[in-house]
């Protein structure tokens, strides 16, 4: 109950932010909400299920282009184009999931990366998507619709992660993460569970992509299918605590804020910072920031132990 009240208060404060925050802060919060959505979406397949997907940038790009094409070529209202973006990404995830979720470890990661790159090339060569010239979407002057849309999707993504963490479906995903063969022997339909988690991950990444496309008014394949988008998701989820509900939110909030400060003063520092974070997570807090704080495991004793384990 306390957590629910705290979440409601935090949402209310964020919803009121445009009333007193500067336009720069509002733009920053829109980007932060988007990154948090992507981290929560990756968490469903990478955190709870244990499948390190490098294909979620593909879901983001599919959502962006579904919304963009429906708005520009078919003149759909955005109220219909946005749900279609989420649905399109989910269907795409379900279809490719049946093909790649039989792989494990690095083979799965490489396969999902290949799917994303292939999808980018397909979109690059389609006339309806504008090809390499991209798509120009109608302009909306006020950022407030995008602010509240991103916030609403983030709330839904967090609720979905919370449900997964407490549901029978979620316990099945955790069993798959720990030992997939044992989970199958216990009667868990592992193929169906993995595909469902992949599709649910695609929904939220696709919705974020749809809002992003309308927000920036111009998209091209190289921008929305970037592998760096997936890397950001992974770093934020792992830094905060993959497989937890609040971990990806915390990771996105901390890393997005620091990256923004660094990019403001040092143009190339933000990318370097992401690499340093990966190293620090491995050495200091392999279970993520939220578990480290909760269990008070951040100490020089744990640091020295990890140095010995990883032979640094």
C-alpha atoms as a PDB file:
ATOM      1  CA  UNK A   1       0.000   0.000   0.000  1.00  0.00           C
ATOM      2  CA  UNK A   2       2.828   2.409   0.874  1.00  0.00           C
ATOM      3  CA  UNK A   3       4.492   1.697  -2.457  1.00  0.00           C
ATOM      4  CA  UNK A   4       1.211   2.348  -4.287  1.00  0.00           C
ATOM      5  CA  UNK A   5       0.734   5.676  -2.494  1.00  0.00           C
ATOM      6  CA  UNK A   6       4.333   6.691  -3.207  1.00  0.00           C
ATOM      7  CA  UNK A   7       3.920   5.776  -6.891  1.00  0.00           C
ATOM      8  CA  UNK A   8       0.685   7.788  -7.120  1.00  0.00           C
ATOM      9  CA  UNK A   9       2.334  10.821  -5.500  1.00  0.00           C
ATOM     10  CA  UNK A  10       5.357  10.593  -7.795  1.00  0.00           C
ATOM     11  CA  UNK A  11       3.081  10.383 -10.847  1.00  0.00           C
ATOM     12  CA  UNK A  12       1.063  13.383  -9.641  1.00  0.00           C
ATOM     13  CA  UNK A  13       4.220  15.457  -9.117  1.00  0.00           C
ATOM     14  CA  UNK A  14       5.517  14.555 -12.567  1.00  0.00           C
ATOM     15  CA  UNK A  15       2.141  15.325 -14.152  1.00  0.00           C
ATOM     16  CA  UNK A  16       2.231  18.794 -12.576  1.00  0.00           C
ATOM     17  CA  UNK A  17       5.808  19.501 -13.711  1.00  0.00           C
ATOM     18  CA  UNK A  18       4.908  21.444 -16.898  1.00  0.00           C
ATOM     19  CA  UNK A  19       3.090  24.012 -14.761  1.00  0.00           C
ATOM     20  CA  UNK A  20       6.303  25.179 -13.069  1.00  0.00           C
ATOM     21  CA  UNK A  21       9.209  23.684 -15.044  1.00  0.00           C
ATOM     22  CA  UNK A  22      11.084  25.401 -17.869  1.00  0.00           C
ATOM     23  CA  UNK A  23      10.638  24.242 -21.484  1.00  0.00           C
ATOM     24  CA  UNK A  24      14.111  22.663 -21.306  1.00  0.00           C
ATOM     25  CA  UNK A  25      13.112  20.571 -18.277  1.00  0.00           C
ATOM     26  CA  UNK A  26       9.886  19.496 -19.976  1.00  0.00           C
ATOM     27  CA  UNK A  27      11.828  18.336 -23.048  1.00  0.00           C
ATOM     28  CA  UNK A  28      14.299  16.526 -20.801  1.00  0.00           C
ATOM     29  CA  UNK A  29      11.475  14.774 -18.937  1.00  0.00           C
ATOM     30  CA  UNK A  30       9.889  13.614 -22.206  1.00  0.00           C
ATOM     31  CA  UNK A  31      13.207  12.039 -23.188  1.00  0.00           C
ATOM     32  CA  UNK A  32      13.636  10.582 -19.687  1.00  0.00           C
ATOM     33  CA  UNK A  33      10.154   9.025 -19.770  1.00  0.00           C
ATOM     34  CA  UNK A  34      10.939   7.494 -23.162  1.00  0.00           C
ATOM     35  CA  UNK A  35      14.213   5.997 -21.944  1.00  0.00           C
ATOM     36  CA  UNK A  36      12.495   4.628 -18.838  1.00  0.00           C
ATOM     37  CA  UNK A  37       9.783   3.031 -21.003  1.00  0.00           C
ATOM     38  CA  UNK A  38      12.443   1.379 -23.147  1.00  0.00           C
ATOM     39  CA  UNK A  39      14.323   0.140 -20.082  1.00  0.00           C
ATOM     40  CA  UNK A  40      11.105  -1.314 -18.630  1.00  0.00           C
ATOM     41  CA  UNK A  41      10.233  -2.894 -21.984  1.00  0.00           C
ATOM     42  CA  UNK A  42      13.645  -4.575 -22.249  1.00  0.00           C
ATOM     43  CA  UNK A  43      13.325  -5.697 -18.629  1.00  0.00           C
ATOM     44  CA  UNK A  44      10.396  -7.955 -19.561  1.00  0.00           C
ATOM     45  CA  UNK A  45      12.516 -10.101 -21.870  1.00  0.00           C
ATOM     46  CA  UNK A  46      16.030  -9.409 -20.597  1.00  0.00           C
ATOM     47  CA  UNK A  47      15.429  -9.026 -16.860  1.00  0.00           C
ATOM     48  CA  UNK A  48      12.593 -11.393 -16.007  1.00  0.00           C
ATOM     49  CA  UNK A  49      13.127 -13.955 -18.784  1.00  0.00           C
ATOM     50  CA  UNK A  50      16.918 -13.788 -18.986  1.00  0.00           C
ATOM     51  CA  UNK A  51      17.121 -13.390 -22.766  1.00  0.00           C
ATOM     52  CA  UNK A  52      19.510 -10.534 -23.584  1.00  0.00           C
ATOM     53  CA  UNK A  53      17.735  -9.069 -26.585  1.00  0.00           C
ATOM     54  CA  UNK A  54      19.532  -6.639 -28.876  1.00  0.00           C
ATOM     55  CA  UNK A  55      16.408  -6.337 -31.017  1.00  0.00           C
ATOM     56  CA  UNK A  56      14.304  -3.909 -29.020  1.00  0.00           C
ATOM     57  CA  UNK A  57      15.549  -1.019 -31.126  1.00  0.00           C
ATOM     58  CA  UNK A  58      13.759  -2.828 -33.957  1.00  0.00           C
ATOM     59  CA  UNK A  59      10.471  -2.661 -32.030  1.00  0.00           C
ATOM     60  CA  UNK A  60      11.068   1.025 -31.356  1.00  0.00           C
ATOM     61  CA  UNK A  61      11.715   1.648 -35.050  1.00  0.00           C
ATOM     62  CA  UNK A  62       8.715  -0.403 -36.170  1.00  0.00           C
ATOM     63  CA  UNK A  63       6.475   1.609 -33.837  1.00  0.00           C
ATOM     64  CA  UNK A  64       7.902   4.883 -35.147  1.00  0.00           C
ATOM     65  CA  UNK A  65       7.363   3.908 -38.776  1.00  0.00           C
ATOM     66  CA  UNK A  66       3.902   2.392 -38.297  1.00  0.00           C
ATOM     67  CA  UNK A  67       2.740   5.641 -36.684  1.00  0.00           C
ATOM     68  CA  UNK A  68       4.596   7.747 -39.257  1.00  0.00           C
ATOM     69  CA  UNK A  69       3.213   5.920 -42.304  1.00  0.00           C
ATOM     70  CA  UNK A  70      -0.342   5.893 -40.947  1.00  0.00           C
ATOM     71  CA  UNK A  71      -0.174   9.633 -40.245  1.00  0.00           C
ATOM     72  CA  UNK A  72       1.436  10.718 -43.517  1.00  0.00           C
ATOM     73  CA  UNK A  73       0.274   8.178 -46.110  1.00  0.00           C
ATOM     74  CA  UNK A  74      -3.129   7.146 -44.798  1.00  0.00           C
ATOM     75  CA  UNK A  75      -3.978  10.283 -42.793  1.00  0.00           C
ATOM     76  CA  UNK A  76      -5.062   8.408 -39.694  1.00  0.00           C
ATOM     77  CA  UNK A  77      -5.617  10.409 -36.520  1.00  0.00           C
ATOM     78  CA  UNK A  78      -2.828   9.953 -34.012  1.00  0.00           C
ATOM     79  CA  UNK A  79      -5.314   8.489 -31.518  1.00  0.00           C
ATOM     80  CA  UNK A  80      -5.557   5.453 -33.827  1.00  0.00           C
ATOM     81  CA  UNK A  81      -2.012   5.486 -35.209  1.00  0.00           C
ATOM     82  CA  UNK A  82      -0.419   5.197 -31.765  1.00  0.00           C
ATOM     83  CA  UNK A  83      -2.194   1.970 -30.683  1.00  0.00           C
ATOM     84  CA  UNK A  84      -1.443   0.576 -34.145  1.00  0.00           C
ATOM     85  CA  UNK A  85       2.251   1.321 -33.543  1.00  0.00           C
ATOM     86  CA  UNK A  86       2.233  -0.714 -30.337  1.00  0.00           C
ATOM     87  CA  UNK A  87       0.266  -3.531 -31.936  1.00  0.00           C
ATOM     88  CA  UNK A  88       2.505  -3.588 -35.016  1.00  0.00           C
ATOM     89  CA  UNK A  89       5.640  -3.850 -32.876  1.00  0.00           C
ATOM     90  CA  UNK A  90       4.058  -6.595 -30.745  1.00  0.00           C
ATOM     91  CA  UNK A  91       3.094  -8.647 -33.808  1.00  0.00           C
ATOM     92  CA  UNK A  92       6.576  -8.190 -35.250  1.00  0.00           C
ATOM     93  CA  UNK A  93       8.089  -9.339 -31.956  1.00  0.00           C
ATOM     94  CA  UNK A  94       5.798 -12.369 -31.783  1.00  0.00           C
ATOM     95  CA  UNK A  95       6.643 -13.431 -35.338  1.00  0.00           C
ATOM     96  CA  UNK A  96      10.413 -13.126 -35.026  1.00  0.00           C
ATOM     97  CA  UNK A  97      10.228 -14.494 -31.471  1.00  0.00           C
ATOM     98  CA  UNK A  98       9.084 -17.847 -32.768  1.00  0.00           C
ATOM     99  CA  UNK A  99      12.180 -17.943 -34.954  1.00  0.00           C
ATOM    100  CA  UNK A 100      14.889 -16.675 -32.586  1.00  0.00           C
ATOM    101  CA  UNK A 101      13.722 -17.581 -29.079  1.00  0.00           C
ATOM    102  CA  UNK A 102      14.868 -21.144 -29.592  1.00  0.00           C
ATOM    103  CA  UNK A 103      18.415 -19.798 -29.456  1.00  0.00           C
ATOM    104  CA  UNK A 104      20.233 -19.049 -26.222  1.00  0.00           C
ATOM    105  CA  UNK A 105      22.953 -16.769 -24.923  1.00  0.00           C
ATOM    106  CA  UNK A 106      25.135 -15.008 -27.446  1.00  0.00           C
ATOM    107  CA  UNK A 107      23.393 -16.747 -30.341  1.00  0.00           C
ATOM    108  CA  UNK A 108      20.072 -15.151 -29.369  1.00  0.00           C
ATOM    109  CA  UNK A 109      21.729 -11.747 -28.902  1.00  0.00           C
ATOM    110  CA  UNK A 110      23.403 -11.933 -32.327  1.00  0.00           C
ATOM    111  CA  UNK A 111      20.179 -13.103 -33.991  1.00  0.00           C
ATOM    112  CA  UNK A 112      18.135 -10.225 -32.560  1.00  0.00           C
ATOM    113  CA  UNK A 113      20.839  -7.763 -33.576  1.00  0.00           C
ATOM    114  CA  UNK A 114      20.720  -9.203 -37.090  1.00  0.00           C
ATOM    115  CA  UNK A 115      16.934  -8.880 -37.224  1.00  0.00           C
ATOM    116  CA  UNK A 116      17.171  -5.207 -36.274  1.00  0.00           C
ATOM    117  CA  UNK A 117      19.769  -4.497 -38.944  1.00  0.00           C
ATOM    118  CA  UNK A 118      17.780  -6.412 -41.564  1.00  0.00           C
ATOM    119  CA  UNK A 119      14.605  -4.524 -40.671  1.00  0.00           C
ATOM    120  CA  UNK A 120      16.453  -1.220 -40.983  1.00  0.00           C
ATOM    121  CA  UNK A 121      17.621  -2.166 -44.478  1.00  0.00           C
ATOM    122  CA  UNK A 122      14.107  -3.213 -45.513  1.00  0.00           C
ATOM    123  CA  UNK A 123      12.627   0.062 -44.296  1.00  0.00           C
ATOM    124  CA  UNK A 124      15.477   1.917 -46.020  1.00  0.00           C
ATOM    125  CA  UNK A 125      14.409   0.441 -49.365  1.00  0.00           C
ATOM    126  CA  UNK A 126      10.630   0.776 -49.115  1.00  0.00           C
ATOM    127  CA  UNK A 127       8.926   3.597 -50.982  1.00  0.00           C
ATOM    128  CA  UNK A 128       6.050   3.908 -48.520  1.00  0.00           C
ATOM    129  CA  UNK A 129       8.473   4.636 -45.680  1.00  0.00           C
ATOM    130  CA  UNK A 130      10.288   7.351 -47.598  1.00  0.00           C
ATOM    131  CA  UNK A 131      13.365   5.159 -47.942  1.00  0.00           C
ATOM    132  CA  UNK A 132      16.604   6.816 -46.965  1.00  0.00           C
ATOM    133  CA  UNK A 133      14.974  10.236 -47.193  1.00  0.00           C
ATOM    134  CA  UNK A 134      12.835   9.496 -44.166  1.00  0.00           C
ATOM    135  CA  UNK A 135       9.381  10.706 -43.263  1.00  0.00           C
ATOM    136  CA  UNK A 136       8.266  14.196 -42.267  1.00  0.00           C
ATOM    137  CA  UNK A 137       5.315  14.137 -39.898  1.00  0.00           C
ATOM    138  CA  UNK A 138       2.814  16.886 -39.062  1.00  0.00           C
ATOM    139  CA  UNK A 139       4.127  19.353 -36.530  1.00  0.00           C
ATOM    140  CA  UNK A 140       2.570  19.896 -33.106  1.00  0.00           C
ATOM    141  CA  UNK A 141       3.767  23.125 -31.506  1.00  0.00           C
ATOM    142  CA  UNK A 142       3.151  22.251 -27.876  1.00  0.00           C
ATOM    143  CA  UNK A 143       5.263  19.538 -26.198  1.00  0.00           C
ATOM    144  CA  UNK A 144       2.558  18.851 -23.600  1.00  0.00           C
ATOM    145  CA  UNK A 145       0.720  16.091 -25.540  1.00  0.00           C
ATOM    146  CA  UNK A 146       3.992  14.178 -25.862  1.00  0.00           C
ATOM    147  CA  UNK A 147       4.843  14.778 -22.210  1.00  0.00           C
ATOM    148  CA  UNK A 148       1.593  13.259 -20.990  1.00  0.00           C
ATOM    149  CA  UNK A 149       1.586  10.464 -23.560  1.00  0.00           C
ATOM    150  CA  UNK A 150       5.091   9.352 -22.580  1.00  0.00           C
ATOM    151  CA  UNK A 151       4.181   9.590 -18.890  1.00  0.00           C
ATOM    152  CA  UNK A 152       1.020   7.516 -19.421  1.00  0.00           C
ATOM    153  CA  UNK A 153       2.916   4.825 -21.364  1.00  0.00           C
ATOM    154  CA  UNK A 154       5.580   4.754 -18.648  1.00  0.00           C
ATOM    155  CA  UNK A 155       2.900   4.200 -15.995  1.00  0.00           C
ATOM    156  CA  UNK A 156       1.431   1.351 -18.076  1.00  0.00           C
ATOM    157  CA  UNK A 157       4.862  -0.207 -18.622  1.00  0.00           C
ATOM    158  CA  UNK A 158       5.585  -0.052 -14.891  1.00  0.00           C
ATOM    159  CA  UNK A 159       2.212  -1.596 -14.070  1.00  0.00           C
ATOM    160  CA  UNK A 160       2.933  -4.375 -16.570  1.00  0.00           C
ATOM    161  CA  UNK A 161       6.295  -5.068 -14.924  1.00  0.00           C
ATOM    162  CA  UNK A 162       4.649  -5.058 -11.498  1.00  0.00           C
ATOM    163  CA  UNK A 163       2.014  -7.527 -12.692  1.00  0.00           C
ATOM    164  CA  UNK A 164       4.666  -9.768 -14.220  1.00  0.00           C
ATOM    165  CA  UNK A 165       6.664  -9.744 -10.975  1.00  0.00           C
ATOM    166  CA  UNK A 166       3.640 -11.017  -8.994  1.00  0.00           C
ATOM    167  CA  UNK A 167       1.807 -13.225 -11.500  1.00  0.00           C
ATOM    168  CA  UNK A 168       2.005 -16.898 -12.359  1.00  0.00           C
ATOM    169  CA  UNK A 169       3.178 -15.853 -15.800  1.00  0.00           C
ATOM    170  CA  UNK A 170       6.018 -13.875 -14.237  1.00  0.00           C
ATOM    171  CA  UNK A 171       7.037 -16.774 -11.994  1.00  0.00           C
ATOM    172  CA  UNK A 172       7.174 -18.891 -15.130  1.00  0.00           C
ATOM    173  CA  UNK A 173       9.492 -16.354 -16.772  1.00  0.00           C
ATOM    174  CA  UNK A 174      11.745 -16.382 -13.700  1.00  0.00           C
ATOM    175  CA  UNK A 175      11.854 -20.175 -13.835  1.00  0.00           C
ATOM    176  CA  UNK A 176      12.902 -19.963 -17.489  1.00  0.00           C
ATOM    177  CA  UNK A 177      15.622 -17.490 -16.558  1.00  0.00           C
ATOM    178  CA  UNK A 178      17.021 -19.744 -13.855  1.00  0.00           C
ATOM    179  CA  UNK A 179      16.814 -23.082 -15.715  1.00  0.00           C
ATOM    180  CA  UNK A 180      14.759 -23.384 -18.875  1.00  0.00           C
ATOM    181  CA  UNK A 181      15.030 -27.180 -19.099  1.00  0.00           C
ATOM    182  CA  UNK A 182      13.834 -27.579 -15.524  1.00  0.00           C
ATOM    183  CA  UNK A 183      10.981 -25.140 -16.181  1.00  0.00           C
ATOM    184  CA  UNK A 184       9.875 -27.187 -19.200  1.00  0.00           C
ATOM    185  CA  UNK A 185      10.073 -30.381 -17.146  1.00  0.00           C
ATOM    186  CA  UNK A 186       7.754 -28.776 -14.575  1.00  0.00           C
ATOM    187  CA  UNK A 187       5.143 -28.225 -17.271  1.00  0.00           C
ATOM    188  CA  UNK A 188       5.732 -24.550 -18.022  1.00  0.00           C
ATOM    189  CA  UNK A 189       5.042 -23.816 -21.725  1.00  0.00           C
ATOM    190  CA  UNK A 190       8.405 -22.152 -22.190  1.00  0.00           C
ATOM    191  CA  UNK A 191       8.024 -21.309 -25.898  1.00  0.00           C
ATOM    192  CA  UNK A 192       4.679 -19.604 -25.374  1.00  0.00           C
ATOM    193  CA  UNK A 193       5.849 -17.726 -22.287  1.00  0.00           C
ATOM    194  CA  UNK A 194       8.979 -16.432 -24.004  1.00  0.00           C
ATOM    195  CA  UNK A 195       7.033 -15.321 -27.077  1.00  0.00           C
ATOM    196  CA  UNK A 196       4.442 -13.561 -24.910  1.00  0.00           C
ATOM    197  CA  UNK A 197       7.166 -11.738 -22.960  1.00  0.00           C
ATOM    198  CA  UNK A 198       8.865 -10.728 -26.222  1.00  0.00           C
ATOM    199  CA  UNK A 199       5.574  -9.420 -27.648  1.00  0.00           C
ATOM    200  CA  UNK A 200       4.760  -7.518 -24.445  1.00  0.00           C
ATOM    201  CA  UNK A 201       8.229  -5.997 -24.590  1.00  0.00           C
ATOM    202  CA  UNK A 202       7.505  -4.983 -28.187  1.00  0.00           C
ATOM    203  CA  UNK A 203       4.235  -3.251 -27.261  1.00  0.00           C
ATOM    204  CA  UNK A 204       5.847  -0.662 -25.028  1.00  0.00           C
ATOM    205  CA  UNK A 205       8.893  -0.095 -27.225  1.00  0.00           C
ATOM    206  CA  UNK A 206       6.547   0.371 -30.196  1.00  0.00           C
ATOM    207  CA  UNK A 207       4.339   2.836 -28.323  1.00  0.00           C
ATOM    208  CA  UNK A 208       7.409   4.838 -27.299  1.00  0.00           C
ATOM    209  CA  UNK A 209       8.574   4.821 -30.926  1.00  0.00           C
ATOM    210  CA  UNK A 210       5.196   6.064 -32.135  1.00  0.00           C
ATOM    211  CA  UNK A 211       5.183   9.013 -29.744  1.00  0.00           C
ATOM    212  CA  UNK A 212       8.848   9.744 -30.495  1.00  0.00           C
ATOM    213  CA  UNK A 213       8.162   9.926 -34.250  1.00  0.00           C
ATOM    214  CA  UNK A 214       5.342  12.439 -33.818  1.00  0.00           C
ATOM    215  CA  UNK A 215       7.350  14.406 -31.251  1.00  0.00           C
ATOM    216  CA  UNK A 216      10.444  15.019 -33.391  1.00  0.00           C
ATOM    217  CA  UNK A 217       8.363  15.289 -36.643  1.00  0.00           C
ATOM    218  CA  UNK A 218      11.041  13.594 -38.769  1.00  0.00           C
ATOM    219  CA  UNK A 219      12.329  10.029 -38.757  1.00  0.00           C
ATOM    220  CA  UNK A 220      14.763   8.056 -40.875  1.00  0.00           C
ATOM    221  CA  UNK A 221      15.908   4.414 -40.613  1.00  0.00           C
ATOM    222  CA  UNK A 222      19.371   5.258 -39.303  1.00  0.00           C
ATOM    223  CA  UNK A 223      17.879   7.266 -36.449  1.00  0.00           C
ATOM    224  CA  UNK A 224      15.187   4.944 -35.098  1.00  0.00           C
ATOM    225  CA  UNK A 225      16.867   1.564 -35.695  1.00  0.00           C
ATOM    226  CA  UNK A 226      20.164   2.463 -34.015  1.00  0.00           C
ATOM    227  CA  UNK A 227      21.742  -0.309 -31.962  1.00  0.00           C
ATOM    228  CA  UNK A 228      22.761   2.342 -29.432  1.00  0.00           C
ATOM    229  CA  UNK A 229      19.088   2.664 -28.475  1.00  0.00           C
ATOM    230  CA  UNK A 230      19.048  -0.964 -27.332  1.00  0.00           C
ATOM    231  CA  UNK A 231      22.387  -0.528 -25.576  1.00  0.00           C
ATOM    232  CA  UNK A 232      20.912   2.387 -23.630  1.00  0.00           C
ATOM    233  CA  UNK A 233      17.959   0.230 -22.576  1.00  0.00           C
ATOM    234  CA  UNK A 234      20.233  -2.557 -21.398  1.00  0.00           C
ATOM    235  CA  UNK A 235      22.635  -0.311 -19.501  1.00  0.00           C
ATOM    236  CA  UNK A 236      19.802   1.491 -17.707  1.00  0.00           C
ATOM    237  CA  UNK A 237      17.964  -1.707 -16.793  1.00  0.00           C
ATOM    238  CA  UNK A 238      21.109  -3.512 -15.621  1.00  0.00           C
ATOM    239  CA  UNK A 239      22.458  -0.485 -13.755  1.00  0.00           C
ATOM    240  CA  UNK A 240      19.199  -0.007 -11.860  1.00  0.00           C
ATOM    241  CA  UNK A 241      18.533  -3.720 -11.402  1.00  0.00           C
ATOM    242  CA  UNK A 242      17.324  -6.035 -14.167  1.00  0.00           C
ATOM    243  CA  UNK A 243      14.457  -8.303 -13.168  1.00  0.00           C
ATOM    244  CA  UNK A 244      13.031  -5.753 -10.710  1.00  0.00           C
ATOM    245  CA  UNK A 245      10.196  -3.277 -11.187  1.00  0.00           C
ATOM    246  CA  UNK A 246      11.839  -0.109  -9.919  1.00  0.00           C
ATOM    247  CA  UNK A 247      15.380  -0.874 -11.069  1.00  0.00           C
ATOM    248  CA  UNK A 248      14.963   0.225 -14.717  1.00  0.00           C
ATOM    249  CA  UNK A 249      13.192   3.408 -13.569  1.00  0.00           C
ATOM    250  CA  UNK A 250      16.009   4.245 -11.182  1.00  0.00           C
ATOM    251  CA  UNK A 251      18.657   3.402 -13.766  1.00  0.00           C
ATOM    252  CA  UNK A 252      16.999   5.586 -16.401  1.00  0.00           C
ATOM    253  CA  UNK A 253      16.587   8.522 -13.999  1.00  0.00           C
ATOM    254  CA  UNK A 254      20.186   8.450 -12.752  1.00  0.00           C
ATOM    255  CA  UNK A 255      21.951   7.750 -16.038  1.00  0.00           C
ATOM    256  CA  UNK A 256      19.818  10.058 -18.181  1.00  0.00           C
ATOM    257  CA  UNK A 257      20.414  12.928 -15.755  1.00  0.00           C
ATOM    258  CA  UNK A 258      24.175  12.387 -15.619  1.00  0.00           C
ATOM    259  CA  UNK A 259      24.400  11.929 -19.400  1.00  0.00           C
ATOM    260  CA  UNK A 260      22.479  15.162 -19.957  1.00  0.00           C
ATOM    261  CA  UNK A 261      24.801  17.062 -17.643  1.00  0.00           C
ATOM    262  CA  UNK A 262      27.875  15.603 -19.319  1.00  0.00           C
ATOM    263  CA  UNK A 263      26.637  16.206 -22.863  1.00  0.00           C
ATOM    264  CA  UNK A 264      25.879  19.826 -21.964  1.00  0.00           C
ATOM    265  CA  UNK A 265      29.455  20.501 -20.890  1.00  0.00           C
ATOM    266  CA  UNK A 266      31.486  17.817 -22.671  1.00  0.00           C
ATOM    267  CA  UNK A 267      30.146  16.693 -26.027  1.00  0.00           C
ATOM    268  CA  UNK A 268      31.859  13.282 -26.117  1.00  0.00           C
ATOM    269  CA  UNK A 269      31.752  12.479 -22.412  1.00  0.00           C
ATOM    270  CA  UNK A 270      28.292  10.901 -22.383  1.00  0.00           C
ATOM    271  CA  UNK A 271      29.330   7.933 -24.559  1.00  0.00           C
ATOM    272  CA  UNK A 272      32.463   7.367 -22.493  1.00  0.00           C
ATOM    273  CA  UNK A 273      30.349   7.500 -19.352  1.00  0.00           C
ATOM    274  CA  UNK A 274      28.132   4.635 -20.564  1.00  0.00           C
ATOM    275  CA  UNK A 275      31.186   2.407 -21.010  1.00  0.00           C
ATOM    276  CA  UNK A 276      32.481   3.269 -17.548  1.00  0.00           C
ATOM    277  CA  UNK A 277      29.077   2.464 -16.039  1.00  0.00           C
ATOM    278  CA  UNK A 278      29.167  -1.062 -17.470  1.00  0.00           C
ATOM    279  CA  UNK A 279      32.534  -1.675 -15.799  1.00  0.00           C
ATOM    280  CA  UNK A 280      31.393  -0.220 -12.470  1.00  0.00           C
ATOM    281  CA  UNK A 281      28.207  -2.296 -12.442  1.00  0.00           C
ATOM    282  CA  UNK A 282      30.202  -5.499 -12.904  1.00  0.00           C
ATOM    283  CA  UNK A 283      32.719  -4.607 -10.207  1.00  0.00           C
ATOM    284  CA  UNK A 284      30.571  -2.892  -7.593  1.00  0.00           C
ATOM    285  CA  UNK A 285      26.975  -4.027  -7.989  1.00  0.00           C
ATOM    286  CA  UNK A 286      26.332  -6.942 -10.351  1.00  0.00           C
ATOM    287  CA  UNK A 287      22.730  -7.166  -9.088  1.00  0.00           C
ATOM    288  CA  UNK A 288      22.017  -3.524  -9.874  1.00  0.00           C
ATOM    289  CA  UNK A 289      21.769  -0.309  -7.909  1.00  0.00           C
ATOM    290  CA  UNK A 290      18.397  -0.959  -6.317  1.00  0.00           C
ATOM    291  CA  UNK A 291      19.383  -4.367  -4.885  1.00  0.00           C
ATOM    292  CA  UNK A 292      22.735  -3.004  -3.732  1.00  0.00           C
ATOM    293  CA  UNK A 293      21.022  -0.203  -1.798  1.00  0.00           C
ATOM    294  CA  UNK A 294      18.321  -2.516  -0.449  1.00  0.00           C
ATOM    295  CA  UNK A 295      20.819  -5.100   0.837  1.00  0.00           C
ATOM    296  CA  UNK A 296      23.517  -2.547   1.725  1.00  0.00           C
ATOM    297  CA  UNK A 297      26.077  -4.461  -0.309  1.00  0.00           C
ATOM    298  CA  UNK A 298      27.991  -1.451  -1.603  1.00  0.00           C
ATOM    299  CA  UNK A 299      31.287  -1.740   0.225  1.00  0.00           C
ATOM    300  CA  UNK A 300      35.007  -2.020  -0.413  1.00  0.00           C
ATOM    301  CA  UNK A 301      34.842  -5.634   0.784  1.00  0.00           C
ATOM    302  CA  UNK A 302      32.437  -6.533  -2.052  1.00  0.00           C
ATOM    303  CA  UNK A 303      34.497  -4.455  -4.462  1.00  0.00           C
ATOM    304  CA  UNK A 304      37.709  -6.318  -3.599  1.00  0.00           C
ATOM    305  CA  UNK A 305      35.892  -9.659  -3.827  1.00  0.00           C
ATOM    306  CA  UNK A 306      34.619  -8.780  -7.307  1.00  0.00           C
ATOM    307  CA  UNK A 307      38.102  -7.704  -8.361  1.00  0.00           C
ATOM    308  CA  UNK A 308      39.374 -11.167  -7.442  1.00  0.00           C
ATOM    309  CA  UNK A 309      36.449 -12.944  -9.143  1.00  0.00           C
ATOM    310  CA  UNK A 310      36.902 -11.051 -12.414  1.00  0.00           C
ATOM    311  CA  UNK A 311      40.724 -11.092 -12.132  1.00  0.00           C
ATOM    312  CA  UNK A 312      40.981  -7.317 -12.571  1.00  0.00           C
END
